[in-house]
Amino acid sequence: MKSNIKFIKVGVVFMLSIAIVALSIWMNNDEQAIKTNSSITNKKIEWGIKRNDNHEQPDVGKENRKILEENNGICLGDNEEKIIYLTFDEGYEAGYTSQILDVLKENDVKATFFLTAHYVNTQEELVQKMINEGHIIGNHTPKSLMS
């Protein structure tokens, strides 16, 4: 059970890191970089991964890896440890979220819920339940961040 909790915590940290990087990229989408100090810019970068056909970890690209390393970000986990990250996209579901939350609570499992603005505005009680039960809330933006 402790390894499951560790696994879930690593998954949550992973997803939160991705959400923070993605939100940062989305918010700083100006075409021209403006230096604010020697290491921080608002230069627009594309985010994505290059999938491999040989079951190896995907490549995030040189520039993205550098940004992640400089900011202690996590994108790809330990490729020696088998971990599953449990995530849900909310706003496009068929009304099962309450039941999903009950099952997660019964099994002491945490997940990440990516919420659309519409879902946040129409499902306040469920969103609050997610927060109260220790799940991670991510932003499911209407704009695609993948190149």
N, C-alpha and C. Protein backbone atom coordinates (compact mmCIF):
# COMPACT_ATOMS: atom_id res chain seq x y z
N MET A 1 0.82 -1.20 0.00
CA MET A 1 0.00 0.00 0.00
C MET A 1 0.87 1.26 0.00
N LYS A 2 2.00 1.22 0.75
CA LYS A 2 2.87 2.40 0.79
C LYS A 2 3.47 2.69 -0.58
N SER A 3 3.79 1.63 -1.35
CA SER A 3 4.34 1.88 -2.69
C SER A 3 3.27 2.48 -3.59
N ASN A 4 2.00 2.11 -3.38
CA ASN A 4 0.91 2.72 -4.16
C ASN A 4 0.79 4.20 -3.85
N ILE A 5 0.92 4.55 -2.58
CA ILE A 5 0.82 5.96 -2.18
C ILE A 5 1.98 6.74 -2.78
N LYS A 6 3.19 6.16 -2.71
CA LYS A 6 4.35 6.81 -3.31
C LYS A 6 4.12 7.00 -4.80
N PHE A 7 3.61 5.98 -5.43
CA PHE A 7 3.32 6.00 -6.85
C PHE A 7 2.33 7.13 -7.18
N ILE A 8 1.31 7.26 -6.38
CA ILE A 8 0.28 8.28 -6.62
C ILE A 8 0.86 9.66 -6.38
N LYS A 9 1.67 9.82 -5.33
CA LYS A 9 2.28 11.12 -5.05
C LYS A 9 3.19 11.54 -6.20
N VAL A 10 3.99 10.61 -6.72
CA VAL A 10 4.87 10.92 -7.84
C VAL A 10 4.02 11.32 -9.05
N GLY A 11 2.92 10.61 -9.26
CA GLY A 11 2.03 10.94 -10.37
C GLY A 11 1.44 12.33 -10.25
N VAL A 12 1.03 12.68 -9.05
CA VAL A 12 0.44 14.00 -8.82
C VAL A 12 1.48 15.08 -9.06
N VAL A 13 2.69 14.89 -8.56
CA VAL A 13 3.76 15.87 -8.77
C VAL A 13 4.04 16.02 -10.26
N PHE A 14 4.08 14.89 -10.96
CA PHE A 14 4.32 14.90 -12.41
C PHE A 14 3.25 15.74 -13.12
N MET A 15 2.00 15.46 -12.85
CA MET A 15 0.92 16.14 -13.54
C MET A 15 0.87 17.63 -13.18
N LEU A 16 1.13 17.95 -11.92
CA LEU A 16 1.14 19.35 -11.51
C LEU A 16 2.25 20.10 -12.23
N SER A 17 3.42 19.47 -12.35
CA SER A 17 4.54 20.11 -13.05
C SER A 17 4.19 20.38 -14.50
N ILE A 18 3.58 19.41 -15.15
CA ILE A 18 3.16 19.58 -16.55
C ILE A 18 2.16 20.74 -16.65
N ALA A 19 1.20 20.77 -15.73
CA ALA A 19 0.18 21.82 -15.75
C ALA A 19 0.81 23.19 -15.56
N ILE A 20 1.78 23.31 -14.66
CA ILE A 20 2.43 24.59 -14.40
C ILE A 20 3.22 25.04 -15.62
N VAL A 21 3.98 24.14 -16.21
CA VAL A 21 4.76 24.48 -17.41
C VAL A 21 3.82 24.87 -18.54
N ALA A 22 2.76 24.08 -18.75
CA ALA A 22 1.82 24.37 -19.83
C ALA A 22 1.13 25.71 -19.62
N LEU A 23 0.72 25.99 -18.39
CA LEU A 23 0.06 27.27 -18.10
C LEU A 23 1.02 28.42 -18.32
N SER A 24 2.26 28.26 -17.90
CA SER A 24 3.27 29.29 -18.10
C SER A 24 3.47 29.57 -19.59
N ILE A 25 3.55 28.52 -20.37
CA ILE A 25 3.73 28.68 -21.82
C ILE A 25 2.51 29.37 -22.42
N TRP A 26 1.33 28.94 -22.03
CA TRP A 26 0.10 29.51 -22.57
C TRP A 26 -0.02 30.99 -22.25
N MET A 27 0.35 31.37 -21.03
CA MET A 27 0.21 32.76 -20.60
C MET A 27 1.26 33.66 -21.25
N ASN A 28 2.37 33.11 -21.67
CA ASN A 28 3.46 33.89 -22.26
C ASN A 28 3.58 33.60 -23.74
N ASN A 29 2.51 33.86 -24.49
CA ASN A 29 2.51 33.44 -25.89
C ASN A 29 2.85 34.56 -26.87
N ASP A 30 3.54 35.60 -26.43
CA ASP A 30 3.97 36.63 -27.35
C ASP A 30 5.03 36.09 -28.28
N GLU A 31 5.02 36.55 -29.52
CA GLU A 31 5.96 36.06 -30.51
C GLU A 31 7.38 36.53 -30.22
N GLN A 32 7.53 37.73 -29.67
CA GLN A 32 8.86 38.28 -29.47
C GLN A 32 9.23 38.16 -28.00
N ALA A 33 10.42 37.68 -27.74
CA ALA A 33 10.89 37.53 -26.37
C ALA A 33 11.31 38.89 -25.82
N ILE A 34 10.93 39.17 -24.60
CA ILE A 34 11.35 40.38 -23.91
C ILE A 34 12.08 39.93 -22.67
N LYS A 35 13.34 40.24 -22.59
CA LYS A 35 14.14 39.82 -21.45
C LYS A 35 13.72 40.60 -20.21
N THR A 36 13.44 39.88 -19.11
CA THR A 36 13.13 40.54 -17.85
C THR A 36 14.32 40.46 -16.91
N ASN A 37 15.16 39.48 -17.09
CA ASN A 37 16.47 39.41 -16.45
C ASN A 37 17.30 38.45 -17.28
N SER A 38 18.44 38.04 -16.79
CA SER A 38 19.34 37.24 -17.62
C SER A 38 18.81 35.85 -17.95
N SER A 39 17.84 35.30 -17.19
CA SER A 39 17.43 33.92 -17.44
C SER A 39 15.94 33.74 -17.70
N ILE A 40 15.14 34.78 -17.60
CA ILE A 40 13.70 34.62 -17.77
C ILE A 40 13.24 35.45 -18.96
N THR A 41 12.47 34.81 -19.86
CA THR A 41 11.90 35.53 -20.99
C THR A 41 10.44 35.16 -21.13
N ASN A 42 9.74 35.87 -21.96
CA ASN A 42 8.38 35.50 -22.30
C ASN A 42 8.31 34.99 -23.73
N LYS A 43 9.43 34.47 -24.21
CA LYS A 43 9.51 33.93 -25.55
C LYS A 43 8.54 32.76 -25.70
N LYS A 44 7.79 32.77 -26.78
CA LYS A 44 6.86 31.68 -27.06
C LYS A 44 7.64 30.43 -27.45
N ILE A 45 7.33 29.32 -26.81
CA ILE A 45 7.93 28.05 -27.19
C ILE A 45 6.81 27.05 -27.41
N GLU A 46 7.08 26.07 -28.22
CA GLU A 46 6.11 25.02 -28.46
C GLU A 46 6.39 23.87 -27.50
N TRP A 47 5.34 23.24 -27.02
CA TRP A 47 5.50 22.15 -26.07
C TRP A 47 4.94 20.88 -26.67
N GLY A 48 5.66 19.83 -26.53
CA GLY A 48 5.19 18.54 -27.02
C GLY A 48 6.27 17.49 -26.82
N ILE A 49 5.97 16.31 -27.22
CA ILE A 49 6.93 15.21 -27.12
C ILE A 49 7.02 14.50 -28.45
N LYS A 50 8.16 13.89 -28.69
CA LYS A 50 8.35 13.05 -29.88
C LYS A 50 8.26 11.61 -29.41
N ARG A 51 7.21 10.94 -29.81
CA ARG A 51 7.00 9.56 -29.38
C ARG A 51 7.98 8.62 -30.08
N ASN A 52 8.34 7.57 -29.35
CA ASN A 52 9.23 6.54 -29.89
C ASN A 52 8.44 5.27 -30.17
N ASP A 53 8.85 4.53 -31.17
CA ASP A 53 8.20 3.27 -31.49
C ASP A 53 8.82 2.09 -30.76
N ASN A 54 9.89 2.33 -30.01
CA ASN A 54 10.63 1.23 -29.38
C ASN A 54 10.37 1.12 -27.87
N HIS A 55 9.28 1.65 -27.40
CA HIS A 55 8.87 1.58 -26.00
C HIS A 55 9.84 2.31 -25.06
N GLU A 56 10.60 3.25 -25.56
CA GLU A 56 11.45 4.08 -24.73
C GLU A 56 10.73 5.39 -24.45
N GLN A 57 11.25 6.12 -23.45
CA GLN A 57 10.62 7.40 -23.11
C GLN A 57 10.67 8.35 -24.31
N PRO A 58 9.64 9.16 -24.46
CA PRO A 58 9.64 10.12 -25.57
C PRO A 58 10.67 11.22 -25.35
N ASP A 59 10.98 11.93 -26.40
CA ASP A 59 11.93 13.03 -26.36
C ASP A 59 11.14 14.34 -26.22
N VAL A 60 11.49 15.15 -25.21
CA VAL A 60 10.79 16.43 -25.02
C VAL A 60 11.49 17.57 -25.75
N GLY A 61 12.64 17.29 -26.32
CA GLY A 61 13.37 18.32 -27.04
C GLY A 61 14.40 19.00 -26.16
N LYS A 62 15.44 19.48 -26.78
CA LYS A 62 16.57 20.08 -26.06
C LYS A 62 16.16 21.32 -25.27
N GLU A 63 15.43 22.23 -25.90
CA GLU A 63 15.05 23.48 -25.23
C GLU A 63 14.09 23.21 -24.06
N ASN A 64 13.11 22.35 -24.29
CA ASN A 64 12.16 22.04 -23.22
C ASN A 64 12.85 21.33 -22.05
N ARG A 65 13.76 20.40 -22.35
CA ARG A 65 14.49 19.70 -21.28
C ARG A 65 15.31 20.70 -20.46
N LYS A 66 15.94 21.66 -21.14
CA LYS A 66 16.73 22.67 -20.45
C LYS A 66 15.84 23.49 -19.50
N ILE A 67 14.68 23.91 -19.98
CA ILE A 67 13.75 24.68 -19.15
C ILE A 67 13.31 23.87 -17.94
N LEU A 68 12.97 22.61 -18.17
CA LEU A 68 12.56 21.74 -17.06
C LEU A 68 13.67 21.59 -16.03
N GLU A 69 14.89 21.35 -16.48
CA GLU A 69 16.01 21.17 -15.57
C GLU A 69 16.30 22.44 -14.78
N GLU A 70 16.26 23.60 -15.46
CA GLU A 70 16.54 24.87 -14.80
C GLU A 70 15.50 25.20 -13.73
N ASN A 71 14.28 24.70 -13.90
CA ASN A 71 13.20 25.04 -12.98
C ASN A 71 12.75 23.86 -12.12
N ASN A 72 13.59 22.83 -12.04
CA ASN A 72 13.27 21.63 -11.26
C ASN A 72 11.92 21.04 -11.66
N GLY A 73 11.61 21.12 -12.93
CA GLY A 73 10.35 20.57 -13.43
C GLY A 73 10.46 19.07 -13.68
N ILE A 74 9.34 18.42 -13.68
CA ILE A 74 9.29 16.99 -13.95
C ILE A 74 8.40 16.78 -15.17
N CYS A 75 8.92 16.10 -16.15
CA CYS A 75 8.13 15.78 -17.32
C CYS A 75 8.05 14.28 -17.51
N LEU A 76 9.19 13.65 -17.47
CA LEU A 76 9.25 12.20 -17.62
C LEU A 76 9.78 11.62 -16.32
N GLY A 77 9.10 10.62 -15.83
CA GLY A 77 9.51 10.00 -14.58
C GLY A 77 10.66 9.04 -14.76
N ASP A 78 10.94 8.31 -13.73
CA ASP A 78 11.98 7.30 -13.71
C ASP A 78 11.57 6.16 -14.62
N ASN A 79 12.37 5.89 -15.65
CA ASN A 79 11.97 4.85 -16.60
C ASN A 79 12.24 3.44 -16.08
N GLU A 80 12.80 3.32 -14.88
CA GLU A 80 13.02 2.01 -14.27
C GLU A 80 11.83 1.59 -13.40
N GLU A 81 11.06 2.56 -12.94
CA GLU A 81 9.95 2.28 -12.04
C GLU A 81 8.63 2.36 -12.82
N LYS A 82 7.79 1.36 -12.69
CA LYS A 82 6.52 1.34 -13.40
C LYS A 82 5.48 2.10 -12.59
N ILE A 83 4.99 3.19 -13.16
CA ILE A 83 4.06 4.08 -12.47
C ILE A 83 2.90 4.40 -13.41
N ILE A 84 1.73 4.46 -12.85
CA ILE A 84 0.54 4.88 -13.60
C ILE A 84 0.04 6.17 -12.98
N TYR A 85 -0.25 7.15 -13.83
CA TYR A 85 -0.79 8.42 -13.38
C TYR A 85 -2.27 8.46 -13.73
N LEU A 86 -3.09 8.72 -12.76
CA LEU A 86 -4.53 8.71 -12.95
C LEU A 86 -5.02 10.14 -13.16
N THR A 87 -5.53 10.43 -14.36
CA THR A 87 -6.02 11.77 -14.67
C THR A 87 -7.41 11.67 -15.29
N PHE A 88 -8.16 12.74 -15.12
CA PHE A 88 -9.50 12.82 -15.69
C PHE A 88 -9.69 14.19 -16.34
N ASP A 89 -10.28 14.21 -17.51
CA ASP A 89 -10.67 15.45 -18.17
C ASP A 89 -12.12 15.71 -17.80
N GLU A 90 -12.36 16.81 -17.13
CA GLU A 90 -13.71 17.14 -16.67
C GLU A 90 -14.30 18.25 -17.52
N GLY A 91 -15.50 18.02 -17.94
CA GLY A 91 -16.19 18.95 -18.81
C GLY A 91 -16.75 18.20 -20.00
N TYR A 92 -16.21 17.02 -20.19
CA TYR A 92 -16.64 16.18 -21.31
C TYR A 92 -17.06 14.81 -20.81
N GLU A 93 -17.44 14.72 -19.57
CA GLU A 93 -17.79 13.42 -18.99
C GLU A 93 -19.31 13.27 -18.96
N ALA A 94 -19.77 12.10 -18.64
CA ALA A 94 -21.20 11.79 -18.75
C ALA A 94 -21.89 11.71 -17.40
N GLY A 95 -21.41 12.45 -16.41
CA GLY A 95 -22.08 12.49 -15.13
C GLY A 95 -21.61 11.47 -14.11
N TYR A 96 -20.46 10.86 -14.33
CA TYR A 96 -19.96 9.82 -13.42
C TYR A 96 -18.97 10.33 -12.39
N THR A 97 -18.67 11.61 -12.39
CA THR A 97 -17.62 12.13 -11.52
C THR A 97 -17.89 11.88 -10.05
N SER A 98 -19.10 12.05 -9.61
CA SER A 98 -19.42 11.82 -8.20
C SER A 98 -19.10 10.38 -7.80
N GLN A 99 -19.46 9.43 -8.66
CA GLN A 99 -19.16 8.02 -8.38
C GLN A 99 -17.65 7.76 -8.42
N ILE A 100 -16.97 8.39 -9.36
CA ILE A 100 -15.52 8.24 -9.45
C ILE A 100 -14.86 8.74 -8.18
N LEU A 101 -15.29 9.91 -7.70
CA LEU A 101 -14.74 10.45 -6.47
C LEU A 101 -14.99 9.53 -5.28
N ASP A 102 -16.16 8.93 -5.23
CA ASP A 102 -16.46 7.99 -4.14
C ASP A 102 -15.52 6.78 -4.17
N VAL A 103 -15.29 6.23 -5.35
CA VAL A 103 -14.41 5.07 -5.49
C VAL A 103 -12.97 5.44 -5.12
N LEU A 104 -12.52 6.62 -5.58
CA LEU A 104 -11.17 7.07 -5.23
C LEU A 104 -11.02 7.22 -3.72
N LYS A 105 -12.02 7.79 -3.08
CA LYS A 105 -11.97 7.98 -1.63
C LYS A 105 -11.97 6.64 -0.90
N GLU A 106 -12.82 5.72 -1.32
CA GLU A 106 -12.89 4.40 -0.69
C GLU A 106 -11.56 3.66 -0.77
N ASN A 107 -10.79 3.91 -1.82
CA ASN A 107 -9.52 3.22 -2.03
C ASN A 107 -8.30 4.08 -1.70
N ASP A 108 -8.54 5.24 -1.10
CA ASP A 108 -7.46 6.16 -0.71
C ASP A 108 -6.51 6.44 -1.88
N VAL A 109 -7.10 6.79 -3.02
CA VAL A 109 -6.35 7.08 -4.24
C VAL A 109 -6.57 8.54 -4.61
N LYS A 110 -5.49 9.22 -4.97
CA LYS A 110 -5.58 10.61 -5.43
C LYS A 110 -5.39 10.63 -6.94
N ALA A 111 -6.02 11.60 -7.56
CA ALA A 111 -5.95 11.74 -9.01
C ALA A 111 -5.82 13.21 -9.36
N THR A 112 -5.61 13.48 -10.62
CA THR A 112 -5.59 14.84 -11.13
C THR A 112 -6.79 15.02 -12.04
N PHE A 113 -7.54 16.09 -11.81
CA PHE A 113 -8.71 16.41 -12.60
C PHE A 113 -8.42 17.69 -13.39
N PHE A 114 -8.45 17.59 -14.72
CA PHE A 114 -8.28 18.76 -15.57
C PHE A 114 -9.66 19.30 -15.90
N LEU A 115 -9.91 20.52 -15.46
CA LEU A 115 -11.25 21.09 -15.53
C LEU A 115 -11.37 22.17 -16.60
N THR A 116 -12.48 22.12 -17.32
CA THR A 116 -12.81 23.21 -18.24
C THR A 116 -13.45 24.33 -17.43
N ALA A 117 -13.45 25.53 -17.98
CA ALA A 117 -14.08 26.66 -17.30
C ALA A 117 -15.57 26.38 -17.08
N HIS A 118 -16.22 25.81 -18.08
CA HIS A 118 -17.64 25.51 -17.96
C HIS A 118 -17.90 24.56 -16.79
N TYR A 119 -17.04 23.56 -16.64
CA TYR A 119 -17.21 22.59 -15.55
C TYR A 119 -17.05 23.28 -14.19
N VAL A 120 -16.04 24.13 -14.08
CA VAL A 120 -15.82 24.86 -12.82
C VAL A 120 -17.04 25.71 -12.49
N ASN A 121 -17.62 26.34 -13.49
CA ASN A 121 -18.75 27.25 -13.27
C ASN A 121 -20.07 26.52 -13.03
N THR A 122 -20.18 25.27 -13.44
CA THR A 122 -21.46 24.57 -13.30
C THR A 122 -21.44 23.43 -12.29
N GLN A 123 -20.26 23.03 -11.83
CA GLN A 123 -20.15 21.89 -10.90
C GLN A 123 -19.36 22.27 -9.65
N GLU A 124 -19.74 23.38 -9.05
CA GLU A 124 -18.99 23.92 -7.92
C GLU A 124 -18.85 22.91 -6.77
N GLU A 125 -19.90 22.18 -6.46
CA GLU A 125 -19.84 21.22 -5.35
C GLU A 125 -18.85 20.10 -5.63
N LEU A 126 -18.85 19.57 -6.85
CA LEU A 126 -17.92 18.50 -7.19
C LEU A 126 -16.48 19.00 -7.21
N VAL A 127 -16.27 20.21 -7.70
CA VAL A 127 -14.92 20.78 -7.71
C VAL A 127 -14.44 20.95 -6.27
N GLN A 128 -15.29 21.45 -5.40
CA GLN A 128 -14.91 21.61 -4.00
C GLN A 128 -14.62 20.26 -3.35
N LYS A 129 -15.38 19.23 -3.72
CA LYS A 129 -15.15 17.89 -3.20
C LYS A 129 -13.77 17.38 -3.64
N MET A 130 -13.42 17.62 -4.90
CA MET A 130 -12.10 17.22 -5.39
C MET A 130 -11.00 17.86 -4.55
N ILE A 131 -11.15 19.15 -4.31
CA ILE A 131 -10.15 19.89 -3.52
C ILE A 131 -10.11 19.36 -2.09
N ASN A 132 -11.27 19.22 -1.47
CA ASN A 132 -11.34 18.77 -0.07
C ASN A 132 -10.75 17.38 0.12
N GLU A 133 -10.84 16.53 -0.90
CA GLU A 133 -10.36 15.16 -0.78
C GLU A 133 -8.91 15.01 -1.24
N GLY A 134 -8.25 16.14 -1.55
CA GLY A 134 -6.82 16.12 -1.81
C GLY A 134 -6.40 15.83 -3.23
N HIS A 135 -7.30 15.94 -4.17
CA HIS A 135 -6.95 15.72 -5.57
C HIS A 135 -6.31 16.99 -6.14
N ILE A 136 -5.58 16.83 -7.22
CA ILE A 136 -4.98 17.96 -7.91
C ILE A 136 -5.97 18.47 -8.95
N ILE A 137 -6.09 19.79 -9.03
CA ILE A 137 -6.95 20.43 -10.02
C ILE A 137 -6.05 21.06 -11.07
N GLY A 138 -6.26 20.68 -12.33
CA GLY A 138 -5.50 21.24 -13.43
C GLY A 138 -6.40 22.01 -14.37
N ASN A 139 -5.81 22.86 -15.17
CA ASN A 139 -6.54 23.69 -16.12
C ASN A 139 -6.62 22.97 -17.46
N HIS A 140 -7.83 22.66 -17.88
CA HIS A 140 -8.06 22.06 -19.20
C HIS A 140 -8.44 23.21 -20.12
N THR A 141 -7.43 23.81 -20.74
CA THR A 141 -7.65 25.03 -21.50
C THR A 141 -8.40 24.77 -22.80
N PRO A 142 -9.08 25.80 -23.28
CA PRO A 142 -9.77 25.67 -24.57
C PRO A 142 -8.81 25.78 -25.74
N LYS A 143 -7.57 26.19 -25.49
CA LYS A 143 -6.58 26.38 -26.55
C LYS A 143 -5.59 25.22 -26.50
N SER A 144 -5.36 24.60 -27.62
CA SER A 144 -4.40 23.50 -27.67
C SER A 144 -3.00 24.02 -27.48
N LEU A 145 -2.26 23.39 -26.56
CA LEU A 145 -0.90 23.81 -26.30
C LEU A 145 0.13 22.97 -27.04
N MET A 146 -0.35 21.96 -27.74
CA MET A 146 0.59 21.09 -28.46
C MET A 146 0.88 21.69 -29.83
N SER A 147 2.11 21.50 -30.28
CA SER A 147 2.47 22.03 -31.61
C SER A 147 1.95 21.09 -32.68
